[in-house]
Amino acid sequence: MTLCLASQKILLADDHAIVRMGFRALLEGAGACVVGEADSGEQAVRLYGELLPDILVMDISMPGIGGLAALERLRARYPNARVLILSAHQDAVIPVRALKAGALGYLCKRSTPDEFLRAVWQVAKNQRYIDPELAQEVALAQLSGTADPAETLTEKEFAVFLQLAKGRSVGDIASDFNVSASTVGTHLYHVKQKLNASNAAELAVLAMRAGLMEA
């Protein structure tokens, strides 16, 4: 089946220019119009408001607030936004979080170019798309709620958890999320309590075990 994306306006968000170049070539080859590119979650949200694309294709791991927090911020402002989330991680934790936050599709970046275009095409039709290799695992995780070791965290706590696991400081996180350091400190306290962790190093280990960070 030939997938035609003619007339579809697409915004790309990925912090690697060469990756965006590859996505642009694939999309334009299928007839889509790439109206803009972002290299951070904050820029993706800002450009979305300026360009109002049909679809936002966004990586989950970017500098600043990252893809998940950007998705949450975007959906709060634009409830009908159609977003395809991409990730290098092949596990159920991030897809479940992304779908709960309002993403319409989720694709692992290890997928083939044809599968990437199929994912964009399906999201363009306002239909949910899940990476075929993850679909069963994601479905089971959503039913059982047991795949995510951080399932007890709220969305904001989970976003802070990811940033802390990367070694970001409370001050840096507060600046990125436009909140006070005391607010981040409160989230940090709850994260440590819920995950039974005492410091950032233990949070990093938990994140790696959950497949949220590269070892």
N, C-alpha and C. Protein backbone atom coordinates (compact mmCIF):
# COMPACT_ATOMS: atom_id res chain seq x y z
N MET A 1 0.85 -1.19 0.00
CA MET A 1 0.00 0.00 0.00
C MET A 1 0.89 1.25 0.00
N THR A 2 0.60 2.17 -0.92
CA THR A 2 1.35 3.42 -1.00
C THR A 2 0.74 4.42 -0.02
N LEU A 3 1.57 4.95 0.86
CA LEU A 3 1.08 5.90 1.85
C LEU A 3 1.30 7.32 1.35
N CYS A 4 0.22 8.07 1.21
CA CYS A 4 0.31 9.44 0.72
C CYS A 4 0.02 10.41 1.86
N LEU A 5 0.97 11.30 2.08
CA LEU A 5 0.81 12.31 3.14
C LEU A 5 0.66 13.71 2.56
N ALA A 6 0.21 13.78 1.30
CA ALA A 6 0.05 15.07 0.63
C ALA A 6 -0.86 15.98 1.44
N SER A 7 -0.48 17.25 1.51
CA SER A 7 -1.20 18.33 2.20
C SER A 7 -1.05 18.29 3.72
N GLN A 8 -0.35 17.28 4.25
CA GLN A 8 -0.15 17.21 5.69
C GLN A 8 1.01 18.11 6.12
N LYS A 9 0.73 19.02 7.05
CA LYS A 9 1.76 19.92 7.58
C LYS A 9 2.33 19.29 8.86
N ILE A 10 3.64 19.11 8.87
CA ILE A 10 4.26 18.37 9.97
C ILE A 10 5.37 19.18 10.63
N LEU A 11 5.38 19.16 11.95
CA LEU A 11 6.44 19.78 12.75
C LEU A 11 7.29 18.67 13.33
N LEU A 12 8.62 18.77 13.15
CA LEU A 12 9.55 17.77 13.67
C LEU A 12 10.24 18.30 14.92
N ALA A 13 10.37 17.45 15.93
CA ALA A 13 11.07 17.84 17.16
C ALA A 13 12.03 16.72 17.56
N ASP A 14 13.32 16.99 17.40
CA ASP A 14 14.37 16.05 17.77
C ASP A 14 15.64 16.87 17.93
N ASP A 15 16.44 16.53 18.93
CA ASP A 15 17.62 17.36 19.19
C ASP A 15 18.81 17.01 18.30
N HIS A 16 18.66 16.04 17.41
CA HIS A 16 19.73 15.69 16.49
C HIS A 16 19.37 16.14 15.07
N ALA A 17 20.14 17.10 14.55
CA ALA A 17 19.85 17.67 13.24
C ALA A 17 19.85 16.63 12.13
N ILE A 18 20.76 15.67 12.20
CA ILE A 18 20.85 14.66 11.15
C ILE A 18 19.64 13.73 11.17
N VAL A 19 19.09 13.49 12.36
CA VAL A 19 17.87 12.68 12.46
C VAL A 19 16.69 13.43 11.85
N ARG A 20 16.59 14.73 12.16
CA ARG A 20 15.52 15.54 11.57
C ARG A 20 15.63 15.56 10.05
N MET A 21 16.86 15.63 9.56
CA MET A 21 17.07 15.64 8.11
C MET A 21 16.54 14.36 7.48
N GLY A 22 16.80 13.23 8.12
CA GLY A 22 16.30 11.95 7.61
C GLY A 22 14.79 11.88 7.62
N PHE A 23 14.18 12.33 8.72
CA PHE A 23 12.72 12.34 8.82
C PHE A 23 12.12 13.26 7.75
N ARG A 24 12.73 14.43 7.57
CA ARG A 24 12.23 15.38 6.57
C ARG A 24 12.25 14.75 5.17
N ALA A 25 13.34 14.09 4.84
CA ALA A 25 13.46 13.47 3.52
C ALA A 25 12.37 12.42 3.31
N LEU A 26 12.13 11.60 4.33
CA LEU A 26 11.10 10.57 4.22
C LEU A 26 9.71 11.19 4.06
N LEU A 27 9.43 12.19 4.88
CA LEU A 27 8.10 12.82 4.87
C LEU A 27 7.84 13.57 3.57
N GLU A 28 8.82 14.33 3.13
CA GLU A 28 8.64 15.09 1.90
C GLU A 28 8.57 14.15 0.70
N GLY A 29 9.26 13.01 0.78
CA GLY A 29 9.17 12.01 -0.29
C GLY A 29 7.78 11.41 -0.39
N ALA A 30 7.03 11.45 0.74
CA ALA A 30 5.67 10.91 0.75
C ALA A 30 4.64 12.02 0.51
N GLY A 31 5.13 13.24 0.21
CA GLY A 31 4.22 14.33 -0.14
C GLY A 31 3.88 15.28 0.98
N ALA A 32 4.38 15.04 2.19
CA ALA A 32 4.08 15.93 3.31
C ALA A 32 4.89 17.21 3.22
N CYS A 33 4.46 18.21 3.98
CA CYS A 33 5.18 19.48 4.05
C CYS A 33 5.69 19.67 5.48
N VAL A 34 7.00 19.65 5.66
CA VAL A 34 7.59 19.88 6.98
C VAL A 34 7.66 21.39 7.20
N VAL A 35 6.82 21.89 8.09
CA VAL A 35 6.69 23.34 8.26
C VAL A 35 7.66 23.92 9.27
N GLY A 36 8.31 23.06 10.07
CA GLY A 36 9.24 23.57 11.06
C GLY A 36 9.98 22.45 11.76
N GLU A 37 11.08 22.82 12.44
CA GLU A 37 11.89 21.87 13.18
C GLU A 37 12.23 22.46 14.56
N ALA A 38 12.19 21.63 15.58
CA ALA A 38 12.53 22.04 16.94
C ALA A 38 13.58 21.10 17.49
N ASP A 39 14.44 21.62 18.39
CA ASP A 39 15.46 20.76 18.99
C ASP A 39 15.29 20.63 20.51
N SER A 40 14.14 21.06 21.02
CA SER A 40 13.84 20.91 22.45
C SER A 40 12.33 20.87 22.64
N GLY A 41 11.91 20.40 23.81
CA GLY A 41 10.48 20.36 24.09
C GLY A 41 9.86 21.73 24.15
N GLU A 42 10.57 22.68 24.75
CA GLU A 42 10.06 24.04 24.85
C GLU A 42 9.85 24.66 23.47
N GLN A 43 10.83 24.45 22.58
CA GLN A 43 10.73 25.00 21.23
C GLN A 43 9.60 24.33 20.46
N ALA A 44 9.40 23.04 20.69
CA ALA A 44 8.32 22.31 20.01
C ALA A 44 6.96 22.90 20.37
N VAL A 45 6.76 23.19 21.67
CA VAL A 45 5.49 23.76 22.11
C VAL A 45 5.30 25.16 21.51
N ARG A 46 6.36 25.95 21.51
CA ARG A 46 6.27 27.32 20.98
C ARG A 46 5.98 27.30 19.48
N LEU A 47 6.71 26.48 18.72
CA LEU A 47 6.51 26.42 17.28
C LEU A 47 5.15 25.84 16.91
N TYR A 48 4.66 24.94 17.72
CA TYR A 48 3.33 24.38 17.46
C TYR A 48 2.30 25.51 17.47
N GLY A 49 2.40 26.39 18.49
CA GLY A 49 1.46 27.50 18.58
C GLY A 49 1.59 28.48 17.44
N GLU A 50 2.79 28.64 16.91
CA GLU A 50 3.02 29.57 15.81
C GLU A 50 2.62 28.99 14.46
N LEU A 51 2.90 27.70 14.26
CA LEU A 51 2.71 27.08 12.95
C LEU A 51 1.41 26.28 12.81
N LEU A 52 0.87 25.82 13.94
CA LEU A 52 -0.35 25.02 13.96
C LEU A 52 -0.31 23.89 12.92
N PRO A 53 0.65 22.98 13.06
CA PRO A 53 0.77 21.86 12.10
C PRO A 53 -0.35 20.85 12.29
N ASP A 54 -0.49 19.98 11.30
CA ASP A 54 -1.47 18.89 11.42
C ASP A 54 -0.96 17.83 12.38
N ILE A 55 0.35 17.62 12.39
CA ILE A 55 0.96 16.57 13.21
C ILE A 55 2.28 17.06 13.79
N LEU A 56 2.52 16.70 15.02
CA LEU A 56 3.84 16.93 15.64
C LEU A 56 4.50 15.56 15.82
N VAL A 57 5.67 15.39 15.23
CA VAL A 57 6.47 14.18 15.41
C VAL A 57 7.59 14.55 16.37
N MET A 58 7.58 13.97 17.58
CA MET A 58 8.46 14.44 18.64
C MET A 58 9.20 13.32 19.36
N ASP A 59 10.51 13.50 19.48
CA ASP A 59 11.35 12.57 20.24
C ASP A 59 11.08 12.75 21.73
N ILE A 60 11.22 11.69 22.48
CA ILE A 60 10.96 11.76 23.92
C ILE A 60 12.15 12.31 24.69
N SER A 61 13.36 12.07 24.18
CA SER A 61 14.59 12.46 24.91
C SER A 61 15.22 13.68 24.25
N MET A 62 14.96 14.85 24.84
CA MET A 62 15.53 16.09 24.34
C MET A 62 15.97 16.94 25.52
N PRO A 63 16.82 17.94 25.28
CA PRO A 63 17.25 18.83 26.36
C PRO A 63 16.06 19.58 26.97
N GLY A 64 16.27 20.15 28.14
CA GLY A 64 15.20 20.92 28.78
C GLY A 64 14.15 20.01 29.39
N ILE A 65 12.89 20.35 29.17
CA ILE A 65 11.81 19.61 29.82
C ILE A 65 11.60 18.24 29.20
N GLY A 66 12.11 18.01 27.99
CA GLY A 66 11.96 16.71 27.37
C GLY A 66 10.59 16.53 26.71
N GLY A 67 10.46 15.43 25.98
CA GLY A 67 9.25 15.18 25.21
C GLY A 67 7.99 14.94 26.01
N LEU A 68 8.08 14.20 27.11
CA LEU A 68 6.88 13.90 27.89
C LEU A 68 6.27 15.15 28.50
N ALA A 69 7.10 15.97 29.13
CA ALA A 69 6.60 17.20 29.74
C ALA A 69 6.09 18.16 28.66
N ALA A 70 6.78 18.18 27.51
CA ALA A 70 6.33 19.03 26.41
C ALA A 70 4.97 18.56 25.90
N LEU A 71 4.79 17.25 25.83
CA LEU A 71 3.51 16.68 25.40
C LEU A 71 2.39 17.10 26.35
N GLU A 72 2.65 17.00 27.64
CA GLU A 72 1.65 17.38 28.64
C GLU A 72 1.31 18.87 28.51
N ARG A 73 2.33 19.71 28.35
CA ARG A 73 2.12 21.15 28.21
C ARG A 73 1.35 21.46 26.92
N LEU A 74 1.71 20.76 25.85
CA LEU A 74 1.06 20.99 24.56
C LEU A 74 -0.41 20.61 24.59
N ARG A 75 -0.70 19.45 25.14
CA ARG A 75 -2.08 18.98 25.18
C ARG A 75 -2.97 19.84 26.08
N ALA A 76 -2.36 20.47 27.09
CA ALA A 76 -3.12 21.37 27.96
C ALA A 76 -3.56 22.60 27.18
N ARG A 77 -2.72 23.04 26.24
CA ARG A 77 -3.03 24.24 25.45
C ARG A 77 -3.80 23.91 24.18
N TYR A 78 -3.49 22.76 23.60
CA TYR A 78 -4.12 22.35 22.34
C TYR A 78 -4.62 20.91 22.48
N PRO A 79 -5.80 20.74 23.06
CA PRO A 79 -6.32 19.40 23.36
C PRO A 79 -6.46 18.49 22.14
N ASN A 80 -6.60 19.07 20.97
CA ASN A 80 -6.80 18.27 19.77
C ASN A 80 -5.51 18.00 19.00
N ALA A 81 -4.38 18.37 19.59
CA ALA A 81 -3.09 18.17 18.91
C ALA A 81 -2.86 16.69 18.64
N ARG A 82 -2.44 16.39 17.42
CA ARG A 82 -2.11 15.01 17.05
C ARG A 82 -0.60 14.86 17.13
N VAL A 83 -0.15 14.00 18.05
CA VAL A 83 1.28 13.87 18.32
C VAL A 83 1.72 12.42 18.18
N LEU A 84 2.80 12.24 17.40
CA LEU A 84 3.45 10.93 17.31
C LEU A 84 4.75 11.02 18.11
N ILE A 85 4.87 10.21 19.14
CA ILE A 85 6.07 10.20 19.99
C ILE A 85 7.05 9.15 19.50
N LEU A 86 8.32 9.53 19.44
CA LEU A 86 9.39 8.61 19.06
C LEU A 86 10.32 8.40 20.24
N SER A 87 10.89 7.21 20.35
CA SER A 87 11.84 6.93 21.43
C SER A 87 12.81 5.85 20.99
N ALA A 88 14.02 5.93 21.51
CA ALA A 88 15.02 4.90 21.23
C ALA A 88 14.83 3.70 22.15
N HIS A 89 14.03 3.85 23.18
CA HIS A 89 13.83 2.79 24.16
C HIS A 89 12.71 1.85 23.74
N GLN A 90 12.97 0.57 23.83
CA GLN A 90 12.01 -0.44 23.39
C GLN A 90 11.44 -1.16 24.61
N ASP A 91 10.59 -0.44 25.33
CA ASP A 91 9.94 -1.02 26.50
C ASP A 91 8.55 -0.39 26.63
N ALA A 92 7.77 -0.87 27.60
CA ALA A 92 6.38 -0.40 27.71
C ALA A 92 6.21 0.82 28.59
N VAL A 93 7.22 1.19 29.35
CA VAL A 93 7.06 2.26 30.33
C VAL A 93 6.74 3.60 29.66
N ILE A 94 7.60 4.03 28.75
CA ILE A 94 7.41 5.32 28.10
C ILE A 94 6.15 5.35 27.22
N PRO A 95 5.88 4.30 26.42
CA PRO A 95 4.65 4.33 25.62
C PRO A 95 3.39 4.51 26.47
N VAL A 96 3.30 3.80 27.58
CA VAL A 96 2.12 3.91 28.44
C VAL A 96 1.99 5.33 28.96
N ARG A 97 3.10 5.91 29.41
CA ARG A 97 3.08 7.29 29.90
C ARG A 97 2.68 8.25 28.79
N ALA A 98 3.25 8.06 27.61
CA ALA A 98 2.98 8.97 26.50
C ALA A 98 1.50 8.90 26.08
N LEU A 99 0.95 7.70 26.02
CA LEU A 99 -0.45 7.55 25.63
C LEU A 99 -1.37 8.17 26.68
N LYS A 100 -1.03 7.99 27.94
CA LYS A 100 -1.84 8.59 29.00
C LYS A 100 -1.78 10.11 28.95
N ALA A 101 -0.64 10.63 28.50
CA ALA A 101 -0.46 12.09 28.42
C ALA A 101 -1.12 12.68 27.17
N GLY A 102 -1.62 11.83 26.29
CA GLY A 102 -2.36 12.33 25.15
C GLY A 102 -1.75 12.10 23.78
N ALA A 103 -0.63 11.38 23.71
CA ALA A 103 -0.06 11.08 22.40
C ALA A 103 -1.01 10.17 21.63
N LEU A 104 -1.08 10.38 20.32
CA LEU A 104 -1.94 9.55 19.49
C LEU A 104 -1.18 8.33 18.97
N GLY A 105 0.15 8.47 18.90
CA GLY A 105 0.95 7.35 18.41
C GLY A 105 2.29 7.27 19.09
N TYR A 106 2.88 6.08 19.03
CA TYR A 106 4.20 5.84 19.63
C TYR A 106 4.97 4.88 18.73
N LEU A 107 6.22 5.28 18.40
CA LEU A 107 7.05 4.45 17.52
C LEU A 107 8.48 4.40 18.06
N CYS A 108 9.05 3.21 18.06
CA CYS A 108 10.46 3.05 18.43
C CYS A 108 11.32 3.52 17.26
N LYS A 109 12.39 4.25 17.55
CA LYS A 109 13.24 4.80 16.50
C LYS A 109 14.06 3.72 15.79
N ARG A 110 14.00 2.50 16.27
CA ARG A 110 14.67 1.40 15.58
C ARG A 110 13.83 0.87 14.42
N SER A 111 12.63 1.38 14.26
CA SER A 111 11.72 0.89 13.22
C SER A 111 12.20 1.26 11.83
N THR A 112 11.63 0.63 10.83
CA THR A 112 12.00 0.88 9.44
C THR A 112 11.39 2.18 8.94
N PRO A 113 11.95 2.76 7.88
CA PRO A 113 11.36 3.97 7.28
C PRO A 113 9.89 3.76 6.89
N ASP A 114 9.56 2.60 6.35
CA ASP A 114 8.17 2.34 5.97
C ASP A 114 7.25 2.37 7.18
N GLU A 115 7.74 1.83 8.30
CA GLU A 115 6.91 1.81 9.51
C GLU A 115 6.74 3.22 10.06
N PHE A 116 7.79 4.04 9.93
CA PHE A 116 7.70 5.44 10.35
C PHE A 116 6.61 6.16 9.56
N LEU A 117 6.62 6.00 8.24
CA LEU A 117 5.61 6.65 7.41
C LEU A 117 4.22 6.10 7.72
N ARG A 118 4.13 4.82 7.99
CA ARG A 118 2.83 4.23 8.33
C ARG A 118 2.30 4.84 9.64
N ALA A 119 3.20 5.05 10.60
CA ALA A 119 2.80 5.64 11.88
C ALA A 119 2.29 7.07 11.68
N VAL A 120 3.01 7.86 10.89
CA VAL A 120 2.59 9.24 10.63
C VAL A 120 1.26 9.26 9.88
N TRP A 121 1.12 8.38 8.91
CA TRP A 121 -0.11 8.28 8.12
C TRP A 121 -1.31 7.95 9.00
N GLN A 122 -1.12 7.04 9.95
CA GLN A 122 -2.22 6.64 10.82
C GLN A 122 -2.60 7.77 11.78
N VAL A 123 -1.60 8.45 12.32
CA VAL A 123 -1.86 9.59 13.19
C VAL A 123 -2.55 10.72 12.40
N ALA A 124 -2.16 10.88 11.14
CA ALA A 124 -2.79 11.88 10.28
C ALA A 124 -4.28 11.61 10.12
N LYS A 125 -4.66 10.33 10.17
CA LYS A 125 -6.07 9.94 10.06
C LYS A 125 -6.77 10.01 11.41
N ASN A 126 -6.05 10.54 12.41
CA ASN A 126 -6.58 10.67 13.77
C ASN A 126 -6.86 9.30 14.40
N GLN A 127 -6.01 8.33 14.06
CA GLN A 127 -6.14 6.99 14.61
C GLN A 127 -4.92 6.67 15.47
N ARG A 128 -5.13 5.92 16.52
CA ARG A 128 -4.03 5.57 17.42
C ARG A 128 -3.08 4.58 16.74
N TYR A 129 -1.80 4.80 16.98
CA TYR A 129 -0.78 3.90 16.44
C TYR A 129 0.17 3.49 17.56
N ILE A 130 0.43 2.18 17.63
CA ILE A 130 1.41 1.64 18.58
C ILE A 130 2.40 0.79 17.80
N ASP A 131 3.67 0.99 18.06
CA ASP A 131 4.71 0.18 17.43
C ASP A 131 4.32 -1.29 17.53
N PRO A 132 4.24 -2.01 16.40
CA PRO A 132 3.80 -3.41 16.41
C PRO A 132 4.60 -4.29 17.37
N GLU A 133 5.90 -4.01 17.52
CA GLU A 133 6.72 -4.84 18.40
C GLU A 133 6.43 -4.59 19.87
N LEU A 134 5.74 -3.48 20.17
CA LEU A 134 5.45 -3.14 21.56
C LEU A 134 3.97 -3.24 21.91
N ALA A 135 3.14 -3.42 20.89
CA ALA A 135 1.69 -3.34 21.08
C ALA A 135 1.17 -4.27 22.18
N GLN A 136 1.58 -5.54 22.15
CA GLN A 136 1.08 -6.48 23.15
C GLN A 136 1.56 -6.12 24.55
N GLU A 137 2.84 -5.75 24.67
CA GLU A 137 3.39 -5.39 25.97
C GLU A 137 2.72 -4.14 26.53
N VAL A 138 2.45 -3.17 25.66
CA VAL A 138 1.78 -1.94 26.10
C VAL A 138 0.35 -2.24 26.54
N ALA A 139 -0.35 -3.09 25.78
CA ALA A 139 -1.72 -3.45 26.13
C ALA A 139 -1.78 -4.14 27.49
N LEU A 140 -0.86 -5.06 27.72
CA LEU A 140 -0.83 -5.77 29.00
C LEU A 140 -0.48 -4.82 30.15
N ALA A 141 0.45 -3.90 29.88
CA ALA A 141 0.85 -2.95 30.92
C ALA A 141 -0.31 -2.04 31.29
N GLN A 142 -1.10 -1.62 30.30
CA GLN A 142 -2.23 -0.75 30.58
C GLN A 142 -3.32 -1.48 31.36
N LEU A 143 -3.45 -2.78 31.09
CA LEU A 143 -4.45 -3.57 31.79
C LEU A 143 -4.04 -3.88 33.23
N SER A 144 -2.77 -4.27 33.38
CA SER A 144 -2.30 -4.72 34.70
C SER A 144 -1.72 -3.60 35.54
N GLY A 145 -1.14 -2.59 34.87
CA GLY A 145 -0.51 -1.50 35.60
C GLY A 145 0.75 -1.93 36.33
N THR A 146 1.36 -3.04 35.89
CA THR A 146 2.51 -3.57 36.62
C THR A 146 3.84 -3.40 35.90
N ALA A 147 3.82 -2.90 34.66
CA ALA A 147 5.07 -2.83 33.91
C ALA A 147 5.94 -1.65 34.33
N ASP A 148 5.35 -0.65 34.95
CA ASP A 148 6.07 0.58 35.26
C ASP A 148 6.44 0.60 36.74
N PRO A 149 7.73 0.50 37.06
CA PRO A 149 8.13 0.53 38.47
C PRO A 149 7.86 1.89 39.11
N ALA A 150 7.63 2.91 38.29
CA ALA A 150 7.33 4.24 38.80
C ALA A 150 5.85 4.57 38.63
N GLU A 151 5.01 3.54 38.59
CA GLU A 151 3.58 3.74 38.30
C GLU A 151 2.88 4.56 39.38
N THR A 152 3.44 4.63 40.57
CA THR A 152 2.80 5.39 41.64
C THR A 152 3.08 6.88 41.53
N LEU A 153 3.98 7.28 40.63
CA LEU A 153 4.31 8.69 40.48
C LEU A 153 3.26 9.41 39.63
N THR A 154 2.97 10.66 39.99
CA THR A 154 2.12 11.48 39.15
C THR A 154 2.90 11.87 37.89
N GLU A 155 2.24 12.47 36.91
CA GLU A 155 2.92 12.87 35.68
C GLU A 155 4.05 13.86 35.98
N LYS A 156 3.78 14.83 36.85
CA LYS A 156 4.81 15.83 37.18
C LYS A 156 5.96 15.19 37.95
N GLU A 157 5.64 14.28 38.88
CA GLU A 157 6.69 13.59 39.62
C GLU A 157 7.53 12.73 38.68
N PHE A 158 6.88 12.10 37.71
CA PHE A 158 7.61 11.25 36.77
C PHE A 158 8.56 12.09 35.92
N ALA A 159 8.10 13.27 35.49
CA ALA A 159 8.94 14.16 34.69
C ALA A 159 10.16 14.61 35.50
N VAL A 160 9.94 14.94 36.76
CA VAL A 160 11.05 15.35 37.64
C VAL A 160 11.99 14.17 37.87
N PHE A 161 11.43 12.99 38.06
CA PHE A 161 12.22 11.78 38.26
C PHE A 161 13.18 11.55 37.10
N LEU A 162 12.70 11.70 35.86
CA LEU A 162 13.56 11.50 34.70
C LEU A 162 14.69 12.51 34.67
N GLN A 163 14.38 13.76 35.00
CA GLN A 163 15.41 14.80 34.99
C GLN A 163 16.45 14.56 36.09
N LEU A 164 16.00 14.19 37.27
CA LEU A 164 16.92 13.93 38.38
C LEU A 164 17.81 12.72 38.08
N ALA A 165 17.22 11.72 37.43
CA ALA A 165 17.98 10.51 37.09
C ALA A 165 19.10 10.83 36.11
N LYS A 166 18.91 11.89 35.31
CA LYS A 166 19.93 12.31 34.36
C LYS A 166 21.02 13.16 35.00
N GLY A 167 20.85 13.45 36.29
CA GLY A 167 21.85 14.24 37.00
C GLY A 167 21.59 15.73 37.00
N ARG A 168 20.39 16.14 36.55
CA ARG A 168 20.07 17.57 36.56
C ARG A 168 19.86 18.04 37.99
N SER A 169 20.20 19.30 38.26
CA SER A 169 20.03 19.86 39.59
C SER A 169 18.60 20.36 39.79
N VAL A 170 18.22 20.53 41.04
CA VAL A 170 16.89 21.05 41.36
C VAL A 170 16.69 22.42 40.73
N GLY A 171 17.73 23.24 40.79
CA GLY A 171 17.64 24.58 40.21
C GLY A 171 17.43 24.56 38.71
N ASP A 172 18.15 23.67 38.02
CA ASP A 172 18.00 23.55 36.57
C ASP A 172 16.60 23.08 36.20
N ILE A 173 16.10 22.10 36.93
CA ILE A 173 14.76 21.57 36.65
C ILE A 173 13.71 22.64 36.90
N ALA A 174 13.86 23.38 37.99
CA ALA A 174 12.92 24.46 38.30
C ALA A 174 12.88 25.49 37.18
N SER A 175 14.06 25.82 36.64
CA SER A 175 14.15 26.79 35.55
C SER A 175 13.47 26.28 34.29
N ASP A 176 13.72 25.02 33.96
CA ASP A 176 13.14 24.42 32.75
C ASP A 176 11.61 24.35 32.83
N PHE A 177 11.10 24.01 34.01
CA PHE A 177 9.66 23.80 34.16
C PHE A 177 8.92 25.06 34.61
N ASN A 178 9.67 26.15 34.78
CA ASN A 178 9.07 27.42 35.20
C ASN A 178 8.31 27.31 36.52
N VAL A 179 8.94 26.62 37.47
CA VAL A 179 8.36 26.51 38.82
C VAL A 179 9.45 26.84 39.81
N SER A 180 9.08 26.96 41.08
CA SER A 180 10.06 27.29 42.11
C SER A 180 10.88 26.07 42.48
N ALA A 181 12.07 26.32 43.03
CA ALA A 181 12.92 25.23 43.49
C ALA A 181 12.23 24.44 44.60
N SER A 182 11.43 25.12 45.41
CA SER A 182 10.74 24.43 46.50
C SER A 182 9.69 23.45 45.96
N THR A 183 9.08 23.82 44.83
CA THR A 183 8.10 22.91 44.20
C THR A 183 8.79 21.65 43.70
N VAL A 184 9.95 21.84 43.05
CA VAL A 184 10.72 20.68 42.60
C VAL A 184 11.18 19.86 43.80
N GLY A 185 11.57 20.55 44.86
CA GLY A 185 11.99 19.85 46.07
C GLY A 185 10.88 18.99 46.65
N THR A 186 9.67 19.49 46.59
CA THR A 186 8.52 18.72 47.07
C THR A 186 8.31 17.48 46.21
N HIS A 187 8.41 17.66 44.88
CA HIS A 187 8.28 16.50 43.98
C HIS A 187 9.40 15.50 44.26
N LEU A 188 10.60 16.01 44.49
CA LEU A 188 11.75 15.14 44.76
C LEU A 188 11.51 14.32 46.02
N TYR A 189 10.98 14.96 47.04
CA TYR A 189 10.69 14.26 48.30
C TYR A 189 9.71 13.12 48.04
N HIS A 190 8.63 13.41 47.30
CA HIS A 190 7.63 12.38 47.03
C HIS A 190 8.19 11.25 46.17
N VAL A 191 9.03 11.61 45.19
CA VAL A 191 9.65 10.60 44.32
C VAL A 191 10.51 9.65 45.15
N LYS A 192 11.34 10.20 46.01
CA LYS A 192 12.21 9.37 46.85
C LYS A 192 11.40 8.47 47.77
N GLN A 193 10.34 9.03 48.34
CA GLN A 193 9.49 8.25 49.24
C GLN A 193 8.83 7.09 48.49
N LYS A 194 8.26 7.39 47.32
CA LYS A 194 7.52 6.38 46.59
C LYS A 194 8.41 5.30 45.98
N LEU A 195 9.64 5.69 45.58
CA LEU A 195 10.55 4.74 44.94
C LEU A 195 11.58 4.17 45.92
N ASN A 196 11.49 4.60 47.16
CA ASN A 196 12.41 4.12 48.19
C ASN A 196 13.86 4.37 47.78
N ALA A 197 14.13 5.57 47.31
CA ALA A 197 15.48 5.96 46.90
C ALA A 197 15.97 7.09 47.80
N SER A 198 17.27 7.14 48.04
CA SER A 198 17.80 8.15 48.94
C SER A 198 18.60 9.24 48.23
N ASN A 199 18.99 9.01 46.96
CA ASN A 199 19.77 10.02 46.26
C ASN A 199 19.61 9.88 44.75
N ALA A 200 20.22 10.82 44.01
CA ALA A 200 20.09 10.84 42.55
C ALA A 200 20.70 9.60 41.90
N ALA A 201 21.77 9.07 42.50
CA ALA A 201 22.41 7.88 41.93
C ALA A 201 21.45 6.69 41.95
N GLU A 202 20.72 6.53 43.04
CA GLU A 202 19.76 5.43 43.12
C GLU A 202 18.60 5.65 42.15
N LEU A 203 18.21 6.90 41.94
CA LEU A 203 17.16 7.19 40.96
C LEU A 203 17.64 6.83 39.56
N ALA A 204 18.92 7.11 39.28
CA ALA A 204 19.48 6.78 37.97
C ALA A 204 19.47 5.27 37.74
N VAL A 205 19.80 4.51 38.77
CA VAL A 205 19.79 3.05 38.67
C VAL A 205 18.38 2.55 38.39
N LEU A 206 17.40 3.11 39.09
CA LEU A 206 16.01 2.70 38.88
C LEU A 206 15.57 3.03 37.45
N ALA A 207 15.99 4.19 36.96
CA ALA A 207 15.62 4.59 35.60
C ALA A 207 16.25 3.65 34.57
N MET A 208 17.49 3.26 34.79
CA MET A 208 18.16 2.34 33.85
C MET A 208 17.51 0.97 33.88
N ARG A 209 17.15 0.50 35.06
CA ARG A 209 16.50 -0.82 35.17
C ARG A 209 15.15 -0.82 34.48
N ALA A 210 14.49 0.34 34.47
CA ALA A 210 13.17 0.45 33.83
C ALA A 210 13.27 0.71 32.34
N GLY A 211 14.53 0.81 31.82
CA GLY A 211 14.72 1.06 30.41
C GLY A 211 14.51 2.50 29.99
N LEU A 212 14.55 3.41 30.97
CA LEU A 212 14.31 4.83 30.68
C LEU A 212 15.60 5.58 30.37
N MET A 213 16.73 4.96 30.62
CA MET A 213 18.05 5.56 30.34
C MET A 213 18.99 4.49 29.83
N GLU A 214 19.95 4.91 29.05
CA GLU A 214 20.97 3.99 28.60
C GLU A 214 21.94 3.72 29.74
N ALA A 215 22.38 2.46 29.86
CA ALA A 215 23.31 2.10 30.92
C ALA A 215 24.68 2.70 30.63
